[in-house]
Amino acid sequence: MTTEPPLGVIPKWLHDERRTEDIAAAIERRISARSEIPLEWFEEYNNLIKHQVKK
């Protein structure tokens, strides 16, 4: 009987893609609520996009 190996981690490219979508959605929610958006969100979003474009 063979057993499957334990589940590993999500690939970085997929994590980054999902994180980009999550940040964009969070920014949109803040805009709709007319709330301030942390600058760190923009910085992280821009860094993620920059690395996704380089692929």
C-alpha atoms as a PDB file:
ATOM      1  CA  MET A   1       0.000   0.000   0.000  1.00  0.00           C
ATOM      2  CA  THR A   2       1.417   3.368  -0.997  1.00  0.00           C
ATOM      3  CA  THR A   3       0.872   6.493   0.994  1.00  0.00           C
ATOM      4  CA  GLU A   4       0.898   9.976  -0.392  1.00  0.00           C
ATOM      5  CA  PRO A   5       3.530  12.400   0.840  1.00  0.00           C
ATOM      6  CA  PRO A   6       2.402  15.140   3.206  1.00  0.00           C
ATOM      7  CA  LEU A   7       0.979  18.260   1.644  1.00  0.00           C
ATOM      8  CA  GLY A   8       3.611  20.911   0.945  1.00  0.00           C
ATOM      9  CA  VAL A   9       3.329  24.673   0.653  1.00  0.00           C
ATOM     10  CA  ILE A  10       1.522  26.671  -1.992  1.00  0.00           C
ATOM     11  CA  PRO A  11       3.857  27.734  -4.818  1.00  0.00           C
ATOM     12  CA  LYS A  12       5.196  31.274  -4.387  1.00  0.00           C
ATOM     13  CA  TRP A  13       3.832  32.452  -7.730  1.00  0.00           C
ATOM     14  CA  LEU A  14       0.331  31.357  -6.732  1.00  0.00           C
ATOM     15  CA  HIS A  15       0.625  32.889  -3.271  1.00  0.00           C
ATOM     16  CA  ASP A  16       1.781  36.173  -4.794  1.00  0.00           C
ATOM     17  CA  GLU A  17      -1.021  36.147  -7.364  1.00  0.00           C
ATOM     18  CA  ARG A  18      -3.656  35.577  -4.682  1.00  0.00           C
ATOM     19  CA  ARG A  19      -2.070  38.147  -2.387  1.00  0.00           C
ATOM     20  CA  THR A  20      -2.179  40.716  -5.196  1.00  0.00           C
ATOM     21  CA  GLU A  21      -5.882  40.042  -5.691  1.00  0.00           C
ATOM     22  CA  ASP A  22      -6.520  40.256  -1.934  1.00  0.00           C
ATOM     23  CA  ILE A  23      -4.735  43.589  -1.632  1.00  0.00           C
ATOM     24  CA  ALA A  24      -6.585  45.024  -4.638  1.00  0.00           C
ATOM     25  CA  ALA A  25      -9.922  43.943  -3.156  1.00  0.00           C
ATOM     26  CA  ALA A  26      -9.024  45.428   0.225  1.00  0.00           C
ATOM     27  CA  ILE A  27      -8.054  48.726  -1.402  1.00  0.00           C
ATOM     28  CA  GLU A  28     -11.362  48.801  -3.274  1.00  0.00           C
ATOM     29  CA  ARG A  29     -13.256  48.175  -0.024  1.00  0.00           C
ATOM     30  CA  ARG A  30     -11.416  51.031   1.676  1.00  0.00           C
ATOM     31  CA  ILE A  31     -12.182  53.336  -1.256  1.00  0.00           C
ATOM     32  CA  SER A  32     -15.868  52.406  -1.085  1.00  0.00           C
ATOM     33  CA  ALA A  33     -15.875  53.081   2.648  1.00  0.00           C
ATOM     34  CA  ARG A  34     -14.018  56.361   2.073  1.00  0.00           C
ATOM     35  CA  SER A  35     -11.345  55.205   4.515  1.00  0.00           C
ATOM     36  CA  GLU A  36      -7.629  55.807   4.487  1.00  0.00           C
ATOM     37  CA  ILE A  37      -5.535  53.181   2.766  1.00  0.00           C
ATOM     38  CA  PRO A  38      -2.241  52.222   4.394  1.00  0.00           C
ATOM     39  CA  LEU A  39       0.722  53.126   2.203  1.00  0.00           C
ATOM     40  CA  GLU A  40       2.195  49.699   2.935  1.00  0.00           C
ATOM     41  CA  TRP A  41      -0.631  48.148   0.919  1.00  0.00           C
ATOM     42  CA  PHE A  42       0.298  50.170  -2.156  1.00  0.00           C
ATOM     43  CA  GLU A  43       3.961  49.367  -1.700  1.00  0.00           C
ATOM     44  CA  GLU A  44       3.323  45.641  -1.366  1.00  0.00           C
ATOM     45  CA  TYR A  45       0.892  45.652  -4.289  1.00  0.00           C
ATOM     46  CA  ASN A  46       3.382  47.473  -6.513  1.00  0.00           C
ATOM     47  CA  ASN A  47       6.199  45.100  -5.542  1.00  0.00           C
ATOM     48  CA  LEU A  48       4.055  42.068  -6.265  1.00  0.00           C
ATOM     49  CA  ILE A  49       2.948  43.445  -9.637  1.00  0.00           C
ATOM     50  CA  LYS A  50       6.517  44.337 -10.547  1.00  0.00           C
ATOM     51  CA  HIS A  51       7.676  40.774  -9.905  1.00  0.00           C
ATOM     52  CA  GLN A  52       4.720  39.234 -11.728  1.00  0.00           C
ATOM     53  CA  VAL A  53       5.449  41.293 -14.839  1.00  0.00           C
ATOM     54  CA  LYS A  54       9.090  40.138 -14.886  1.00  0.00           C
ATOM     55  CA  LYS A  55       8.081  36.492 -15.413  1.00  0.00           C
END
